[in-house]
PDB file of N, CA and C in Angstrom:
ATOM      1  N   UNK A   1     -17.074  -5.993   2.965  1.00  0.00           N
ATOM      2  CA  UNK A   1     -16.676  -4.842   2.190  1.00  0.00           C
ATOM      3  C   UNK A   1     -15.188  -4.902   1.838  1.00  0.00           C
ATOM      4  N   UNK A   2     -14.376  -5.251   2.812  1.00  0.00           N
ATOM      5  CA  UNK A   2     -12.930  -5.324   2.585  1.00  0.00           C
ATOM      6  C   UNK A   2     -12.612  -6.430   1.582  1.00  0.00           C
ATOM      7  N   UNK A   3     -13.178  -7.587   1.780  1.00  0.00           N
ATOM      8  CA  UNK A   3     -12.932  -8.707   0.870  1.00  0.00           C
ATOM      9  C   UNK A   3     -13.367  -8.372  -0.545  1.00  0.00           C
ATOM     10  N   UNK A   4     -14.519  -7.752  -0.692  1.00  0.00           N
ATOM     11  CA  UNK A   4     -15.005  -7.369  -2.019  1.00  0.00           C
ATOM     12  C   UNK A   4     -14.069  -6.356  -2.674  1.00  0.00           C
ATOM     13  N   UNK A   5     -13.590  -5.381  -1.906  1.00  0.00           N
ATOM     14  CA  UNK A   5     -12.680  -4.374  -2.437  1.00  0.00           C
ATOM     15  C   UNK A   5     -11.377  -5.017  -2.889  1.00  0.00           C
ATOM     16  N   UNK A   6     -10.810  -5.856  -2.034  1.00  0.00           N
ATOM     17  CA  UNK A   6      -9.539  -6.499  -2.370  1.00  0.00           C
ATOM     18  C   UNK A   6      -9.706  -7.398  -3.587  1.00  0.00           C
ATOM     19  N   UNK A   7     -10.780  -8.160  -3.647  1.00  0.00           N
ATOM     20  CA  UNK A   7     -11.018  -9.018  -4.811  1.00  0.00           C
ATOM     21  C   UNK A   7     -11.091  -8.198  -6.102  1.00  0.00           C
ATOM     22  N   UNK A   8     -11.746  -7.052  -6.043  1.00  0.00           N
ATOM     23  CA  UNK A   8     -11.949  -6.235  -7.241  1.00  0.00           C
ATOM     24  C   UNK A   8     -10.740  -5.376  -7.596  1.00  0.00           C
ATOM     25  N   UNK A   9     -10.105  -4.776  -6.595  1.00  0.00           N
ATOM     26  CA  UNK A   9      -9.066  -3.778  -6.853  1.00  0.00           C
ATOM     27  C   UNK A   9      -7.635  -4.258  -6.618  1.00  0.00           C
ATOM     28  N   UNK A  10      -7.469  -5.222  -5.734  1.00  0.00           N
ATOM     29  CA  UNK A  10      -6.122  -5.663  -5.342  1.00  0.00           C
ATOM     30  C   UNK A  10      -6.052  -7.187  -5.272  1.00  0.00           C
ATOM     31  N   UNK A  11      -6.318  -7.866  -6.371  1.00  0.00           N
ATOM     32  CA  UNK A  11      -6.389  -9.331  -6.330  1.00  0.00           C
ATOM     33  C   UNK A  11      -5.068 -10.012  -5.965  1.00  0.00           C
ATOM     34  N   UNK A  12      -3.966  -9.268  -5.998  1.00  0.00           N
ATOM     35  CA  UNK A  12      -2.685  -9.855  -5.629  1.00  0.00           C
ATOM     36  C   UNK A  12      -2.509  -9.964  -4.118  1.00  0.00           C
ATOM     37  N   UNK A  13      -3.409  -9.372  -3.371  1.00  0.00           N
ATOM     38  CA  UNK A  13      -3.385  -9.446  -1.913  1.00  0.00           C
ATOM     39  C   UNK A  13      -4.309 -10.563  -1.460  1.00  0.00           C
ATOM     40  N   UNK A  14      -3.838 -11.363  -0.524  1.00  0.00           N
ATOM     41  CA  UNK A  14      -4.669 -12.427   0.040  1.00  0.00           C
ATOM     42  C   UNK A  14      -5.305 -11.919   1.325  1.00  0.00           C
ATOM     43  N   UNK A  15      -6.611 -12.100   1.416  1.00  0.00           N
ATOM     44  CA  UNK A  15      -7.338 -11.673   2.602  1.00  0.00           C
ATOM     45  C   UNK A  15      -8.359 -12.740   2.957  1.00  0.00           C
ATOM     46  N   UNK A  16      -8.323 -13.182   4.183  1.00  0.00           N
ATOM     47  CA  UNK A  16      -9.295 -14.134   4.686  1.00  0.00           C
ATOM     48  C   UNK A  16     -10.199 -13.398   5.654  1.00  0.00           C
ATOM     49  N   UNK A  17     -11.489 -13.505   5.434  1.00  0.00           N
ATOM     50  CA  UNK A  17     -12.433 -12.825   6.316  1.00  0.00           C
ATOM     51  C   UNK A  17     -12.305 -13.385   7.732  1.00  0.00           C
ATOM     52  N   UNK A  18     -12.043 -12.508   8.689  1.00  0.00           N
ATOM     53  CA  UNK A  18     -11.947 -12.982  10.067  1.00  0.00           C
ATOM     54  C   UNK A  18     -13.335 -13.265  10.634  1.00  0.00           C
ATOM     55  N   UNK A  19     -13.379 -14.119  11.633  1.00  0.00           N
ATOM     56  CA  UNK A  19     -14.658 -14.422  12.268  1.00  0.00           C
ATOM     57  C   UNK A  19     -15.127 -13.250  13.132  1.00  0.00           C
ATOM     58  N   UNK A  20     -14.181 -12.602  13.783  1.00  0.00           N
ATOM     59  CA  UNK A  20     -14.570 -11.522  14.679  1.00  0.00           C
ATOM     60  C   UNK A  20     -13.326 -10.746  15.101  1.00  0.00           C
ATOM     61  N   UNK A  21     -13.212  -9.519  14.645  1.00  0.00           N
ATOM     62  CA  UNK A  21     -12.104  -8.669  15.052  1.00  0.00           C
ATOM     63  C   UNK A  21     -12.282  -7.283  14.460  1.00  0.00           C
ATOM     64  N   UNK A  22     -11.483  -6.359  14.907  1.00  0.00           N
ATOM     65  CA  UNK A  22     -11.475  -5.020  14.328  1.00  0.00           C
ATOM     66  C   UNK A  22     -10.191  -4.794  13.537  1.00  0.00           C
ATOM     67  N   UNK A  23      -9.455  -5.882  13.281  1.00  0.00           N
ATOM     68  CA  UNK A  23      -8.223  -5.810  12.516  1.00  0.00           C
ATOM     69  C   UNK A  23      -8.343  -6.643  11.244  1.00  0.00           C
ATOM     70  N   UNK A  24      -7.857  -6.095  10.156  1.00  0.00           N
ATOM     71  CA  UNK A  24      -7.809  -6.828   8.891  1.00  0.00           C
ATOM     72  C   UNK A  24      -6.341  -7.147   8.610  1.00  0.00           C
ATOM     73  N   UNK A  25      -6.032  -8.424   8.515  1.00  0.00           N
ATOM     74  CA  UNK A  25      -4.679  -8.872   8.193  1.00  0.00           C
ATOM     75  C   UNK A  25      -4.642  -9.223   6.715  1.00  0.00           C
ATOM     76  N   UNK A  26      -3.770  -8.558   5.968  1.00  0.00           N
ATOM     77  CA  UNK A  26      -3.682  -8.743   4.527  1.00  0.00           C
ATOM     78  C   UNK A  26      -2.302  -9.276   4.158  1.00  0.00           C
ATOM     79  N   UNK A  27      -2.290 -10.415   3.479  1.00  0.00           N
ATOM     80  CA  UNK A  27      -1.030 -11.009   3.049  1.00  0.00           C
ATOM     81  C   UNK A  27      -0.601 -10.309   1.763  1.00  0.00           C
ATOM     82  N   UNK A  28       0.516  -9.588   1.835  1.00  0.00           N
ATOM     83  CA  UNK A  28       1.015  -8.812   0.700  1.00  0.00           C
ATOM     84  C   UNK A  28       2.288  -9.413   0.102  1.00  0.00           C
ATOM     85  N   UNK A  29       2.580 -10.656   0.436  1.00  0.00           N
ATOM     86  CA  UNK A  29       3.832 -11.271  -0.021  1.00  0.00           C
ATOM     87  C   UNK A  29       3.921 -11.364  -1.542  1.00  0.00           C
ATOM     88  N   UNK A  30       2.792 -11.471  -2.234  1.00  0.00           N
ATOM     89  CA  UNK A  30       2.815 -11.564  -3.698  1.00  0.00           C
ATOM     90  C   UNK A  30       3.245 -10.258  -4.358  1.00  0.00           C
ATOM     91  N   UNK A  31       3.306  -9.177  -3.595  1.00  0.00           N
ATOM     92  CA  UNK A  31       3.747  -7.902  -4.161  1.00  0.00           C
ATOM     93  C   UNK A  31       5.252  -7.881  -4.403  1.00  0.00           C
ATOM     94  N   UNK A  32       5.964  -8.790  -3.746  1.00  0.00           N
ATOM     95  CA  UNK A  32       7.420  -8.882  -3.877  1.00  0.00           C
ATOM     96  C   UNK A  32       8.112  -7.560  -3.565  1.00  0.00           C
ATOM     97  N   UNK A  33       7.672  -6.917  -2.507  1.00  0.00           N
ATOM     98  CA  UNK A  33       8.277  -5.683  -2.029  1.00  0.00           C
ATOM     99  C   UNK A  33       8.731  -5.883  -0.594  1.00  0.00           C
ATOM    100  N   UNK A  34       9.811  -5.230  -0.231  1.00  0.00           N
ATOM    101  CA  UNK A  34      10.204  -5.276   1.173  1.00  0.00           C
ATOM    102  C   UNK A  34       9.171  -4.501   1.988  1.00  0.00           C
ATOM    103  N   UNK A  35       9.111  -4.802   3.247  1.00  0.00           N
ATOM    104  CA  UNK A  35       8.196  -4.111   4.142  1.00  0.00           C
ATOM    105  C   UNK A  35       8.472  -2.609   4.108  1.00  0.00           C
ATOM    106  N   UNK A  36       9.743  -2.240   4.053  1.00  0.00           N
ATOM    107  CA  UNK A  36      10.132  -0.831   4.041  1.00  0.00           C
ATOM    108  C   UNK A  36       9.684  -0.140   2.753  1.00  0.00           C
ATOM    109  N   UNK A  37       9.887  -0.804   1.618  1.00  0.00           N
ATOM    110  CA  UNK A  37       9.490  -0.212   0.328  1.00  0.00           C
ATOM    111  C   UNK A  37       7.976  -0.052   0.255  1.00  0.00           C
ATOM    112  N   UNK A  38       7.249  -1.064   0.714  1.00  0.00           N
ATOM    113  CA  UNK A  38       5.793  -0.978   0.690  1.00  0.00           C
ATOM    114  C   UNK A  38       5.312   0.158   1.585  1.00  0.00           C
ATOM    115  N   UNK A  39       5.853   0.265   2.784  1.00  0.00           N
ATOM    116  CA  UNK A  39       5.457   1.337   3.693  1.00  0.00           C
ATOM    117  C   UNK A  39       5.732   2.712   3.090  1.00  0.00           C
ATOM    118  N   UNK A  40       6.850   2.849   2.415  1.00  0.00           N
ATOM    119  CA  UNK A  40       7.187   4.130   1.781  1.00  0.00           C
ATOM    120  C   UNK A  40       6.117   4.512   0.762  1.00  0.00           C
ATOM    121  N   UNK A  41       5.698   3.568  -0.072  1.00  0.00           N
ATOM    122  CA  UNK A  41       4.672   3.859  -1.075  1.00  0.00           C
ATOM    123  C   UNK A  41       3.306   4.125  -0.431  1.00  0.00           C
ATOM    124  N   UNK A  42       2.980   3.374   0.605  1.00  0.00           N
ATOM    125  CA  UNK A  42       1.703   3.598   1.270  1.00  0.00           C
ATOM    126  C   UNK A  42       1.641   4.998   1.876  1.00  0.00           C
ATOM    127  N   UNK A  43       2.717   5.404   2.509  1.00  0.00           N
ATOM    128  CA  UNK A  43       2.742   6.706   3.178  1.00  0.00           C
ATOM    129  C   UNK A  43       2.927   7.842   2.171  1.00  0.00           C
ATOM    130  N   UNK A  44       3.931   7.731   1.295  1.00  0.00           N
ATOM    131  CA  UNK A  44       4.246   8.830   0.383  1.00  0.00           C
ATOM    132  C   UNK A  44       3.231   8.981  -0.750  1.00  0.00           C
ATOM    133  N   UNK A  45       2.772   7.868  -1.302  1.00  0.00           N
ATOM    134  CA  UNK A  45       1.877   7.920  -2.461  1.00  0.00           C
ATOM    135  C   UNK A  45       0.404   7.757  -2.080  1.00  0.00           C
ATOM    136  N   UNK A  46       0.116   6.825  -1.188  1.00  0.00           N
ATOM    137  CA  UNK A  46      -1.264   6.577  -0.808  1.00  0.00           C
ATOM    138  C   UNK A  46      -1.759   7.458   0.317  1.00  0.00           C
ATOM    139  N   UNK A  47      -0.811   8.072   1.042  1.00  0.00           N
ATOM    140  CA  UNK A  47      -1.166   8.915   2.194  1.00  0.00           C
ATOM    141  C   UNK A  47      -1.993   8.132   3.212  1.00  0.00           C
ATOM    142  N   UNK A  48      -1.550   6.882   3.456  1.00  0.00           N
ATOM    143  CA  UNK A  48      -2.243   6.030   4.408  1.00  0.00           C
ATOM    144  C   UNK A  48      -1.207   5.348   5.312  1.00  0.00           C
ATOM    145  N   UNK A  49      -1.512   5.308   6.590  1.00  0.00           N
ATOM    146  CA  UNK A  49      -0.637   4.638   7.541  1.00  0.00           C
ATOM    147  C   UNK A  49      -1.250   3.316   7.972  1.00  0.00           C
ATOM    148  N   UNK A  50      -0.718   2.238   7.446  1.00  0.00           N
ATOM    149  CA  UNK A  50      -1.176   0.900   7.818  1.00  0.00           C
ATOM    150  C   UNK A  50       0.017   0.184   8.426  1.00  0.00           C
ATOM    151  N   UNK A  51      -0.183  -0.424   9.562  1.00  0.00           N
ATOM    152  CA  UNK A  51       0.924  -1.041  10.277  1.00  0.00           C
ATOM    153  C   UNK A  51       1.500  -2.227   9.511  1.00  0.00           C
ATOM    154  N   UNK A  52       2.823  -2.250   9.351  1.00  0.00           N
ATOM    155  CA  UNK A  52       3.439  -3.412   8.715  1.00  0.00           C
ATOM    156  C   UNK A  52       3.391  -4.616   9.648  1.00  0.00           C
ATOM    157  N   UNK A  53       3.158  -5.779   9.082  1.00  0.00           N
ATOM    158  CA  UNK A  53       3.131  -7.005   9.873  1.00  0.00           C
ATOM    159  C   UNK A  53       4.469  -7.287  10.526  1.00  0.00           C
ATOM    160  N   UNK A  54       5.526  -6.737   9.940  1.00  0.00           N
ATOM    161  CA  UNK A  54       6.872  -6.906  10.497  1.00  0.00           C
ATOM    162  C   UNK A  54       6.903  -6.475  11.965  1.00  0.00           C
ATOM    163  N   UNK A  55       6.140  -5.462  12.296  1.00  0.00           N
ATOM    164  CA  UNK A  55       6.056  -4.974  13.672  1.00  0.00           C
ATOM    165  C   UNK A  55       5.559  -6.067  14.610  1.00  0.00           C
ATOM    166  N   UNK A  56       4.743  -6.984  14.071  1.00  0.00           N
ATOM    167  CA  UNK A  56       4.130  -8.050  14.869  1.00  0.00           C
ATOM    168  C   UNK A  56       4.743  -9.413  14.593  1.00  0.00           C
ATOM    169  N   UNK A  57       5.855  -9.431  13.849  1.00  0.00           N
ATOM    170  CA  UNK A  57       6.585 -10.668  13.658  1.00  0.00           C
ATOM    171  C   UNK A  57       6.426 -11.355  12.319  1.00  0.00           C
ATOM    172  N   UNK A  58       5.684 -10.762  11.371  1.00  0.00           N
ATOM    173  CA  UNK A  58       5.518 -11.411  10.065  1.00  0.00           C
ATOM    174  C   UNK A  58       5.414 -10.356   8.970  1.00  0.00           C
ATOM    175  N   UNK A  59       6.491 -10.161   8.243  1.00  0.00           N
ATOM    176  CA  UNK A  59       6.553  -9.106   7.233  1.00  0.00           C
ATOM    177  C   UNK A  59       5.729  -9.407   5.987  1.00  0.00           C
ATOM    178  N   UNK A  60       5.087 -10.568   5.925  1.00  0.00           N
ATOM    179  CA  UNK A  60       4.236 -10.881   4.771  1.00  0.00           C
ATOM    180  C   UNK A  60       2.885 -10.174   4.855  1.00  0.00           C
ATOM    181  N   UNK A  61       2.602  -9.522   5.961  1.00  0.00           N
ATOM    182  CA  UNK A  61       1.271  -8.970   6.197  1.00  0.00           C
ATOM    183  C   UNK A  61       1.275  -7.465   6.450  1.00  0.00           C
ATOM    184  N   UNK A  62       0.109  -6.869   6.198  1.00  0.00           N
ATOM    185  CA  UNK A  62      -0.231  -5.542   6.690  1.00  0.00           C
ATOM    186  C   UNK A  62      -1.355  -5.737   7.695  1.00  0.00           C
ATOM    187  N   UNK A  63      -1.392  -4.891   8.708  1.00  0.00           N
ATOM    188  CA  UNK A  63      -2.466  -4.946   9.694  1.00  0.00           C
ATOM    189  C   UNK A  63      -3.214  -3.622   9.652  1.00  0.00           C
ATOM    190  N   UNK A  64      -4.461  -3.695   9.225  1.00  0.00           N
ATOM    191  CA  UNK A  64      -5.280  -2.491   9.097  1.00  0.00           C
ATOM    192  C   UNK A  64      -6.356  -2.479  10.178  1.00  0.00           C
ATOM    193  N   UNK A  65      -6.394  -1.404  10.945  1.00  0.00           N
ATOM    194  CA  UNK A  65      -7.439  -1.233  11.951  1.00  0.00           C
ATOM    195  C   UNK A  65      -8.692  -0.768  11.224  1.00  0.00           C
ATOM    196  N   UNK A  66      -9.772  -1.530  11.350  1.00  0.00           N
ATOM    197  CA  UNK A  66     -11.001  -1.231  10.620  1.00  0.00           C
ATOM    198  C   UNK A  66     -12.134  -0.790  11.544  1.00  0.00           C
ATOM    199  N   UNK A  67     -11.786  -0.420  12.767  1.00  0.00           N
ATOM    200  CA  UNK A  67     -12.780   0.054  13.732  1.00  0.00           C
ATOM    201  C   UNK A  67     -13.009   1.543  13.503  1.00  0.00           C
ATOM    202  N   UNK A  68     -13.770   1.844  12.457  1.00  0.00           N
ATOM    203  CA  UNK A  68     -14.014   3.225  12.078  1.00  0.00           C
ATOM    204  C   UNK A  68     -15.296   3.293  11.249  1.00  0.00           C
ATOM    205  N   UNK A  69     -15.785   4.494  10.997  1.00  0.00           N
ATOM    206  CA  UNK A  69     -16.962   4.613  10.134  1.00  0.00           C
ATOM    207  C   UNK A  69     -16.672   4.073   8.727  1.00  0.00           C
ATOM    208  N   UNK A  70     -17.702   3.581   8.077  1.00  0.00           N
ATOM    209  CA  UNK A  70     -17.553   2.972   6.759  1.00  0.00           C
ATOM    210  C   UNK A  70     -16.922   3.929   5.751  1.00  0.00           C
ATOM    211  N   UNK A  71     -17.276   5.188   5.783  1.00  0.00           N
ATOM    212  CA  UNK A  71     -16.720   6.147   4.828  1.00  0.00           C
ATOM    213  C   UNK A  71     -15.206   6.284   5.019  1.00  0.00           C
ATOM    214  N   UNK A  72     -14.754   6.236   6.256  1.00  0.00           N
ATOM    215  CA  UNK A  72     -13.316   6.309   6.532  1.00  0.00           C
ATOM    216  C   UNK A  72     -12.621   5.029   6.071  1.00  0.00           C
ATOM    217  N   UNK A  73     -13.257   3.891   6.240  1.00  0.00           N
ATOM    218  CA  UNK A  73     -12.704   2.626   5.775  1.00  0.00           C
ATOM    219  C   UNK A  73     -12.589   2.630   4.255  1.00  0.00           C
ATOM    220  N   UNK A  74     -13.607   3.120   3.570  1.00  0.00           N
ATOM    221  CA  UNK A  74     -13.555   3.202   2.106  1.00  0.00           C
ATOM    222  C   UNK A  74     -12.392   4.085   1.656  1.00  0.00           C
ATOM    223  N   UNK A  75     -12.216   5.208   2.321  1.00  0.00           N
ATOM    224  CA  UNK A  75     -11.112   6.102   1.985  1.00  0.00           C
ATOM    225  C   UNK A  75      -9.768   5.412   2.224  1.00  0.00           C
ATOM    226  N   UNK A  76      -9.654   4.712   3.327  1.00  0.00           N
ATOM    227  CA  UNK A  76      -8.415   3.993   3.621  1.00  0.00           C
ATOM    228  C   UNK A  76      -8.112   2.918   2.600  1.00  0.00           C
ATOM    229  N   UNK A  77      -9.116   2.189   2.171  1.00  0.00           N
ATOM    230  CA  UNK A  77      -8.912   1.158   1.155  1.00  0.00           C
ATOM    231  C   UNK A  77      -8.495   1.772  -0.178  1.00  0.00           C
ATOM    232  N   UNK A  78      -9.104   2.889  -0.540  1.00  0.00           N
ATOM    233  CA  UNK A  78      -8.721   3.563  -1.779  1.00  0.00           C
ATOM    234  C   UNK A  78      -7.287   4.076  -1.707  1.00  0.00           C
ATOM    235  N   UNK A  79      -6.889   4.572  -0.553  1.00  0.00           N
ATOM    236  CA  UNK A  79      -5.508   5.029  -0.380  1.00  0.00           C
ATOM    237  C   UNK A  79      -4.538   3.856  -0.395  1.00  0.00           C
ATOM    238  N   UNK A  80      -4.947   2.741   0.200  1.00  0.00           N
ATOM    239  CA  UNK A  80      -4.137   1.526   0.137  1.00  0.00           C
ATOM    240  C   UNK A  80      -3.892   1.137  -1.318  1.00  0.00           C
ATOM    241  N   UNK A  81      -4.940   1.120  -2.106  1.00  0.00           N
ATOM    242  CA  UNK A  81      -4.815   0.761  -3.521  1.00  0.00           C
ATOM    243  C   UNK A  81      -3.900   1.740  -4.253  1.00  0.00           C
ATOM    244  N   UNK A  82      -4.030   3.017  -3.968  1.00  0.00           N
ATOM    245  CA  UNK A  82      -3.192   4.026  -4.622  1.00  0.00           C
ATOM    246  C   UNK A  82      -1.717   3.802  -4.292  1.00  0.00           C
ATOM    247  N   UNK A  83      -1.428   3.514  -3.040  1.00  0.00           N
ATOM    248  CA  UNK A  83      -0.049   3.261  -2.642  1.00  0.00           C
ATOM    249  C   UNK A  83       0.537   2.020  -3.286  1.00  0.00           C
ATOM    250  N   UNK A  84      -0.262   0.963  -3.351  1.00  0.00           N
ATOM    251  CA  UNK A  84       0.213  -0.277  -3.967  1.00  0.00           C
ATOM    252  C   UNK A  84       0.389  -0.105  -5.464  1.00  0.00           C
ATOM    253  N   UNK A  85      -0.543   0.573  -6.095  1.00  0.00           N
ATOM    254  CA  UNK A  85      -0.421   0.814  -7.538  1.00  0.00           C
ATOM    255  C   UNK A  85       0.816   1.634  -7.848  1.00  0.00           C
ATOM    256  N   UNK A  86       1.147   2.607  -7.009  1.00  0.00           N
ATOM    257  CA  UNK A  86       2.343   3.415  -7.197  1.00  0.00           C
ATOM    258  C   UNK A  86       3.607   2.567  -7.080  1.00  0.00           C
ATOM    259  N   UNK A  87       3.564   1.556  -6.253  1.00  0.00           N
ATOM    260  CA  UNK A  87       4.710   0.674  -6.067  1.00  0.00           C
ATOM    261  C   UNK A  87       4.974  -0.195  -7.290  1.00  0.00           C
ATOM    262  N   UNK A  88       3.954  -0.385  -8.113  1.00  0.00           N
ATOM    263  CA  UNK A  88       4.086  -1.269  -9.270  1.00  0.00           C
ATOM    264  C   UNK A  88       4.115  -0.528 -10.599  1.00  0.00           C
ATOM    265  N   UNK A  89       4.422   0.747 -10.568  1.00  0.00           N
ATOM    266  CA  UNK A  89       4.515   1.515 -11.817  1.00  0.00           C
ATOM    267  C   UNK A  89       5.886   1.380 -12.405  1.00  0.00           C
TER     268      UNK A  89
END
């Protein structure tokens, strides 16, 4: 579901399907935004809190916890897209 959403809505993000985990690591380096600027748009515009990879040692990534009901994951992905789109206006 995540890969399909990213392919359709956010093709500038690189996502590799993990073999087994409850975390989705998304490479956002192609957005050419600082970790701080991206977080500001995600929180202020998308109303979504996704952990910056910078917290874990690599600012090229976002870390999204996907251990939730599917409807909540869909909402989070839509908010992610809204925040990223706001960053590129």
